[in-house]
Amino acid sequence: MTLSNAGFNLAELAVIVRSGVPESRHFGWLVALDANGTVAAHLGDDSIQVLPRSTTKPLQALACLIAGADLSDEELAIAAGSHTGEDAHAEAVRSILSRAQLDESALRCPVDWPEDEPTRERLIRDGETRSRVRMNCSGKHAAMLLACVTNGWDTSSYLEPSHPLQRLILETVQRMSGVEVAHTAVDGCGAPLFSTTVEGLARAFRGLVAAEEGTNERRVADAMRSHPFFVGGDNHANSDTMSRIPGVLAKGGAEGVIGMAAASGQAVAMKIVDGSPRATTLLALRILGALGVDTSAAGSLTELPILGGGIPVGSIVPGADVEDWLTATRTGIR
């Protein structure tokens, strides 16, 4: 059920079914890779470059490592993550800043409340205000600042696309994805955002998990998988995925983007064009499962109910193009 929009094809990736009625449909692009790196699924036209949002954070963290930032595994995980602002997250960010001999005022991400609701409510009760350290991108920004201090680069301009660190990040995104960046935008946190394709994202995530032990690439993957709490937080889909399924690397981003890869090399990435992320983890896990990854421990992450009056009355299911691919994979005719 592909659609043509603005000259490119969109695949139907997910359908929301309420009381037996298809209520909403999510379209976009999806690419999956077999364990050996060959394309296993190519749904929709992947020629267009997308803005990967926070799905690119593992590559930004990788560039910070390449630049010499001295990060512990927990700090590397939070640099590659979108944390929920819990106390342990704030402490990790402050630890990175302390090593750079900087304080929170050096961060150029916006001030924000924690995404974690209990933490946010407690801070409000205690009379605290929004802060940069609680913003979900503060780990990335702190790592960028440490990389700058390590190299003697200016810290006040670290978010300028022409800054040496951002040029290194651009080179890292291009190298890992195999795609030349066509667009430079500004992310929600103020950092430069480099475009790539969905297939490029899948290849980048596969490159992280398939890298040799001891390399910077593998260090990023291992840190995220060993410390998933610092990638997201309690009840966070990325963290839950990595906690439940050993060896899987997962990182979603705003506007319906996600990348996921298994230790055995299978990888998947997608972009939902309406920007909704609600089906991305479900779809990525279904695809990896069809490619031979044991996702049996995923549980509720692959079964998302639609509620009516507080009880399940429907579910989110794979769209027609994904279901066709899953069927063909099960029957061995893809």
Protein backbone atom coordinates (compact mmCIF):
# COMPACT_ATOMS: atom_id res chain seq x y z
CA MET A 1 0.00 0.00 0.00
CA THR A 2 2.68 2.47 -1.01
CA LEU A 3 1.79 6.13 -1.51
CA SER A 4 3.46 8.67 -3.76
CA ASN A 5 4.07 12.01 -2.10
CA ALA A 6 6.19 14.87 -3.44
CA GLY A 7 7.83 12.50 -5.91
CA PHE A 8 8.84 9.72 -3.53
CA ASN A 9 7.11 6.54 -2.39
CA LEU A 10 5.97 5.96 1.17
CA ALA A 11 5.41 2.48 2.57
CA GLU A 12 2.58 1.75 4.99
CA LEU A 13 4.48 0.79 8.13
CA ALA A 14 1.85 0.61 10.88
CA VAL A 15 -1.91 0.70 11.41
CA ILE A 16 -3.80 1.65 14.57
CA VAL A 17 -6.88 -0.54 14.91
CA ARG A 18 -9.60 0.50 17.38
CA SER A 19 -12.57 -1.81 17.99
CA GLY A 20 -11.87 -3.55 14.71
CA VAL A 21 -11.73 -0.29 12.74
CA PRO A 22 -8.47 0.94 11.16
CA GLU A 23 -8.27 4.37 12.79
CA SER A 24 -4.87 5.74 11.74
CA ARG A 25 -2.02 4.73 9.45
CA HIS A 26 1.68 5.55 9.64
CA PHE A 27 3.70 5.79 6.43
CA GLY A 28 7.42 6.18 5.91
CA TRP A 29 10.63 4.46 4.92
CA LEU A 30 12.23 1.34 6.42
CA VAL A 31 15.45 -0.49 5.59
CA ALA A 32 16.66 -3.71 7.22
CA LEU A 33 19.98 -5.48 6.80
CA ASP A 34 20.81 -9.18 7.11
CA ALA A 35 23.59 -10.31 9.42
CA ASN A 36 26.07 -10.07 6.54
CA GLY A 37 25.03 -6.50 5.74
CA THR A 38 22.96 -7.16 2.62
CA VAL A 39 19.64 -5.34 2.28
CA ALA A 40 16.83 -7.62 3.50
CA ALA A 41 14.00 -5.09 3.42
CA HIS A 42 13.68 -1.85 1.51
CA LEU A 43 10.23 -0.38 2.07
CA GLY A 44 9.50 2.96 0.45
CA ASP A 45 11.86 5.19 -1.49
CA ASP A 46 15.10 5.63 0.45
CA SER A 47 16.66 8.10 -1.96
CA ILE A 48 15.54 11.07 0.13
CA GLN A 49 17.72 12.20 3.02
CA VAL A 50 16.05 12.55 6.42
CA LEU A 51 16.94 14.38 9.60
CA PRO A 52 17.88 11.58 12.05
CA ARG A 53 17.39 13.68 15.19
CA SER A 54 18.61 11.95 18.36
CA THR A 55 19.09 8.65 16.55
CA THR A 56 22.43 10.11 15.51
CA LYS A 57 23.62 10.59 19.12
CA PRO A 58 25.70 7.39 19.17
CA LEU A 59 27.66 8.80 16.23
CA GLN A 60 28.10 12.15 17.96
CA ALA A 61 29.36 10.32 21.03
CA LEU A 62 31.72 8.32 18.80
CA ALA A 63 33.18 11.54 17.42
CA CYS A 64 33.77 12.78 20.98
CA LEU A 65 35.71 9.58 21.72
CA ILE A 66 37.72 9.98 18.52
CA ALA A 67 38.51 13.54 19.65
CA GLY A 68 39.97 12.13 22.86
CA ALA A 69 37.19 12.76 25.40
CA ASP A 70 37.91 10.64 28.48
CA LEU A 71 34.50 9.14 29.22
CA SER A 72 33.59 6.26 31.52
CA ASP A 73 31.17 3.68 30.15
CA GLU A 74 28.23 5.26 32.01
CA GLU A 75 29.21 8.70 30.74
CA LEU A 76 29.59 7.40 27.20
CA ALA A 77 26.11 5.87 27.40
CA ILE A 78 24.55 9.15 28.51
CA ALA A 79 26.48 11.01 25.80
CA ALA A 80 24.87 8.67 23.27
CA GLY A 81 21.45 8.79 24.91
CA SER A 82 18.37 10.92 25.48
CA HIS A 83 18.05 10.65 29.23
CA THR A 84 14.91 11.32 31.27
CA GLY A 85 16.56 13.70 33.73
CA GLU A 86 16.65 11.47 36.79
CA ASP A 87 19.15 12.22 39.57
CA ALA A 88 21.71 9.65 38.37
CA HIS A 89 21.57 11.22 34.92
CA ALA A 90 22.23 14.69 36.29
CA GLU A 91 25.13 13.36 38.35
CA ALA A 92 26.70 11.73 35.27
CA VAL A 93 26.43 14.96 33.29
CA ARG A 94 27.97 16.97 36.13
CA SER A 95 30.80 14.41 36.33
CA ILE A 96 31.67 15.00 32.67
CA LEU A 97 31.55 18.77 33.13
CA SER A 98 33.72 18.56 36.25
CA ARG A 99 36.40 16.69 34.32
CA ALA A 100 36.33 19.49 31.77
CA GLN A 101 36.59 22.00 34.66
CA LEU A 102 33.30 23.56 33.56
CA ASP A 103 29.95 24.06 35.24
CA GLU A 104 26.40 23.81 33.95
CA SER A 105 26.49 27.33 32.56
CA ALA A 106 28.78 26.07 29.77
CA LEU A 107 25.99 23.87 28.39
CA ARG A 108 24.21 25.44 25.44
CA CYS A 109 21.23 23.09 25.39
CA PRO A 110 17.93 24.67 26.54
CA VAL A 111 16.75 24.58 30.13
CA ASP A 112 14.06 21.98 30.74
CA TRP A 113 12.22 19.90 33.30
CA PRO A 114 13.12 16.19 33.59
CA GLU A 115 11.04 13.94 31.36
CA ASP A 116 10.77 11.50 34.25
CA GLU A 117 7.48 12.46 35.93
CA PRO A 118 8.29 11.54 39.57
CA THR A 119 11.58 13.45 39.36
CA ARG A 120 9.88 16.45 37.78
CA GLU A 121 7.16 16.54 40.43
CA ARG A 122 9.71 16.29 43.24
CA LEU A 123 11.81 19.13 41.85
CA ILE A 124 8.73 21.33 41.54
CA ARG A 125 7.70 20.54 45.13
CA ASP A 126 11.22 21.41 46.27
CA GLY A 127 11.02 24.79 44.55
CA GLU A 128 13.62 24.06 41.89
CA THR A 129 13.39 25.44 38.36
CA ARG A 130 14.13 24.15 34.87
CA SER A 131 17.82 23.52 34.25
CA ARG A 132 20.13 22.60 31.42
CA VAL A 133 21.54 19.56 33.21
CA ARG A 134 18.07 17.94 33.32
CA MET A 135 17.46 18.47 29.59
CA ASN A 136 17.52 15.14 27.73
CA CYS A 137 20.46 16.13 25.49
CA SER A 138 22.73 17.41 28.27
CA GLY A 139 24.88 14.26 28.23
CA LYS A 140 25.72 14.82 24.57
CA HIS A 141 26.49 18.49 25.17
CA ALA A 142 28.72 17.73 28.17
CA ALA A 143 30.70 15.19 26.14
CA MET A 144 31.09 17.73 23.35
CA LEU A 145 32.45 20.27 25.82
CA LEU A 146 34.92 17.72 27.25
CA ALA A 147 36.12 16.92 23.72
CA CYS A 148 36.64 20.65 23.11
CA VAL A 149 38.61 21.17 26.33
CA THR A 150 40.73 18.09 25.58
CA ASN A 151 41.77 19.58 22.25
CA GLY A 152 41.99 23.23 23.25
CA TRP A 153 39.02 24.11 21.04
CA ASP A 154 36.74 27.02 21.85
CA THR A 155 33.87 25.99 24.11
CA SER A 156 31.64 29.01 23.52
CA SER A 157 31.15 28.16 19.83
CA TYR A 158 30.99 24.37 20.06
CA LEU A 159 27.57 24.26 18.37
CA GLU A 160 28.66 26.15 15.27
CA PRO A 161 28.70 23.86 12.19
CA SER A 162 32.16 25.20 11.33
CA HIS A 163 33.59 24.25 14.75
CA PRO A 164 36.32 21.55 14.57
CA LEU A 165 34.24 19.15 16.69
CA GLN A 166 31.15 19.52 14.49
CA ARG A 167 33.27 18.98 11.37
CA LEU A 168 34.55 15.77 12.97
CA ILE A 169 30.98 14.71 13.77
CA LEU A 170 29.97 15.34 10.14
CA GLU A 171 32.89 13.21 8.94
CA THR A 172 31.93 10.47 11.41
CA VAL A 173 28.28 10.44 10.27
CA GLN A 174 29.38 10.18 6.63
CA ARG A 175 31.93 7.44 7.33
CA MET A 176 29.61 5.28 9.40
CA SER A 177 26.56 5.70 7.16
CA GLY A 178 28.34 5.62 3.82
CA VAL A 179 26.20 8.62 2.80
CA GLU A 180 27.38 12.13 1.99
CA VAL A 181 25.52 14.67 4.09
CA ALA A 182 23.23 16.81 1.93
CA HIS A 183 21.66 19.04 4.58
CA THR A 184 22.78 20.65 7.83
CA ALA A 185 19.93 21.65 10.14
CA VAL A 186 19.60 22.66 13.80
CA ASP A 187 18.37 20.01 16.24
CA GLY A 188 15.93 20.73 19.06
CA CYS A 189 18.82 21.06 21.52
CA GLY A 190 20.63 23.58 19.30
CA ALA A 191 23.32 21.22 17.99
CA PRO A 192 24.02 20.83 14.26
CA LEU A 193 21.97 18.03 12.72
CA PHE A 194 23.38 16.23 9.68
CA SER A 195 21.07 14.47 7.25
CA THR A 196 21.41 10.90 6.04
CA THR A 197 19.26 8.15 4.55
CA VAL A 198 17.37 5.44 6.40
CA GLU A 199 19.72 2.84 4.92
CA GLY A 200 22.65 4.97 6.08
CA LEU A 201 21.30 4.84 9.64
CA ALA A 202 20.91 1.08 9.49
CA ARG A 203 24.48 0.71 8.24
CA ALA A 204 25.79 3.04 10.95
CA PHE A 205 24.11 1.03 13.71
CA ARG A 206 25.34 -2.23 12.21
CA GLY A 207 28.84 -0.74 12.06
CA LEU A 208 28.78 0.00 15.78
CA VAL A 209 27.82 -3.52 16.87
CA ALA A 210 30.00 -5.25 14.25
CA ALA A 211 33.17 -3.30 15.08
CA GLU A 212 36.15 -5.06 16.61
CA GLU A 213 36.40 -5.09 20.38
CA GLY A 214 38.49 -2.24 21.69
CA THR A 215 37.62 0.15 18.89
CA ASN A 216 35.84 3.41 19.62
CA GLU A 217 32.85 2.20 17.60
CA ARG A 218 32.49 -0.94 19.66
CA ARG A 219 32.99 1.03 22.88
CA VAL A 220 29.92 3.13 22.06
CA ALA A 221 27.80 0.06 21.37
CA ASP A 222 29.04 -1.80 24.44
CA ALA A 223 28.55 1.19 26.76
CA MET A 224 24.98 1.70 25.60
CA ARG A 225 24.11 -1.99 25.90
CA SER A 226 25.82 -2.38 29.29
CA HIS A 227 24.26 0.76 30.77
CA PRO A 228 20.86 1.17 29.09
CA PHE A 229 19.48 3.25 31.97
CA PHE A 230 21.83 6.07 30.99
CA VAL A 231 20.66 5.93 27.36
CA GLY A 232 17.08 6.66 28.41
CA GLY A 233 15.82 5.93 31.90
CA ASP A 234 13.15 4.04 33.78
CA ASN A 235 10.29 2.88 31.54
CA HIS A 236 12.05 4.20 28.43
CA ALA A 237 11.59 2.16 25.25
CA ASN A 238 15.27 2.27 24.21
CA SER A 239 16.45 1.30 27.69
CA ASP A 240 13.83 -1.43 28.03
CA THR A 241 14.76 -2.90 24.65
CA MET A 242 18.44 -3.16 25.51
CA SER A 243 17.72 -4.43 29.03
CA ARG A 244 15.40 -7.18 27.85
CA ILE A 245 17.25 -8.37 24.72
CA PRO A 246 20.97 -8.94 25.25
CA GLY A 247 23.17 -7.60 22.48
CA VAL A 248 20.62 -5.33 20.85
CA LEU A 249 21.54 -1.67 20.35
CA ALA A 250 18.59 0.74 20.16
CA LYS A 251 18.28 4.51 19.84
CA GLY A 252 15.23 6.42 18.77
CA GLY A 253 14.88 10.08 17.93
CA ALA A 254 12.20 12.71 17.62
CA GLU A 255 9.84 12.78 14.65
CA GLY A 256 9.56 9.01 14.25
CA VAL A 257 13.17 7.94 13.65
CA ILE A 258 14.85 4.85 15.10
CA GLY A 259 17.91 2.69 14.58
CA MET A 260 18.37 -0.78 16.02
CA ALA A 261 20.97 -3.52 15.54
CA ALA A 262 21.63 -6.97 16.98
CA ALA A 263 25.01 -8.31 18.09
CA SER A 264 24.81 -10.81 15.21
CA GLY A 265 24.72 -7.96 12.67
CA GLN A 266 21.08 -7.63 11.67
CA ALA A 267 19.99 -3.99 11.65
CA VAL A 268 16.92 -1.88 10.93
CA ALA A 269 16.17 1.83 10.68
CA MET A 270 13.07 3.80 9.78
CA LYS A 271 11.51 7.22 9.52
CA ILE A 272 7.77 7.74 10.11
CA VAL A 273 6.85 10.76 8.01
CA ASP A 274 4.08 12.02 10.29
CA GLY A 275 6.61 12.19 13.13
CA SER A 276 4.91 9.76 15.51
CA PRO A 277 7.29 7.37 17.33
CA ARG A 278 4.60 5.15 18.84
CA ALA A 279 5.10 2.21 16.45
CA THR A 280 8.85 2.43 15.81
CA THR A 281 10.13 0.10 18.55
CA LEU A 282 7.40 -2.46 17.82
CA LEU A 283 8.23 -2.48 14.11
CA ALA A 284 11.99 -2.63 14.58
CA LEU A 285 11.69 -5.61 16.93
CA ARG A 286 9.27 -7.41 14.61
CA ILE A 287 11.72 -6.94 11.72
CA LEU A 288 14.73 -8.13 13.73
CA GLY A 289 12.75 -11.15 14.92
CA ALA A 290 11.93 -12.07 11.33
CA LEU A 291 15.64 -11.82 10.48
CA GLY A 292 16.47 -14.45 13.10
CA VAL A 293 17.17 -12.36 16.20
CA ASP A 294 15.71 -13.82 19.39
CA THR A 295 13.33 -11.08 20.53
CA SER A 296 11.14 -13.34 22.67
CA ALA A 297 12.05 -11.40 25.82
CA ALA A 298 10.70 -8.15 24.36
CA GLY A 299 7.24 -8.87 25.71
CA SER A 300 5.01 -5.79 25.80
CA LEU A 301 7.37 -3.86 23.53
CA THR A 302 6.00 -5.80 20.54
CA GLU A 303 2.33 -5.75 21.62
CA LEU A 304 0.97 -2.24 22.02
CA PRO A 305 -2.71 -2.07 23.01
CA ILE A 306 -5.09 0.72 22.10
CA LEU A 307 -7.20 1.63 25.14
CA GLY A 308 -10.85 2.57 25.48
CA GLY A 309 -12.13 3.35 28.94
CA GLY A 310 -8.84 2.11 30.34
CA ILE A 311 -9.08 -1.38 28.79
CA PRO A 312 -7.60 -2.75 25.53
CA VAL A 313 -9.97 -2.33 22.58
CA GLY A 314 -7.44 -2.61 19.77
CA SER A 315 -3.76 -2.62 18.93
CA ILE A 316 -0.98 -1.18 16.80
CA VAL A 317 -0.15 -3.65 14.04
CA PRO A 318 2.33 -3.75 11.15
CA GLY A 319 1.10 -1.94 8.05
CA ALA A 320 0.40 -3.66 4.77
CA ASP A 321 3.92 -3.27 3.36
CA VAL A 322 5.59 -4.51 6.53
CA GLU A 323 3.12 -7.40 6.85
CA ASP A 324 3.72 -8.40 3.24
CA TRP A 325 7.47 -8.48 3.91
CA LEU A 326 7.02 -10.44 7.14
CA THR A 327 4.83 -12.98 5.35
CA ALA A 328 7.29 -13.35 2.50
CA THR A 329 10.14 -13.79 5.01
CA ARG A 330 8.24 -16.44 6.96
CA THR A 331 7.49 -18.37 3.78
CA GLY A 332 10.99 -17.94 2.41
CA ILE A 333 9.97 -16.21 -0.82
CA ARG A 334 11.33 -12.70 -0.28
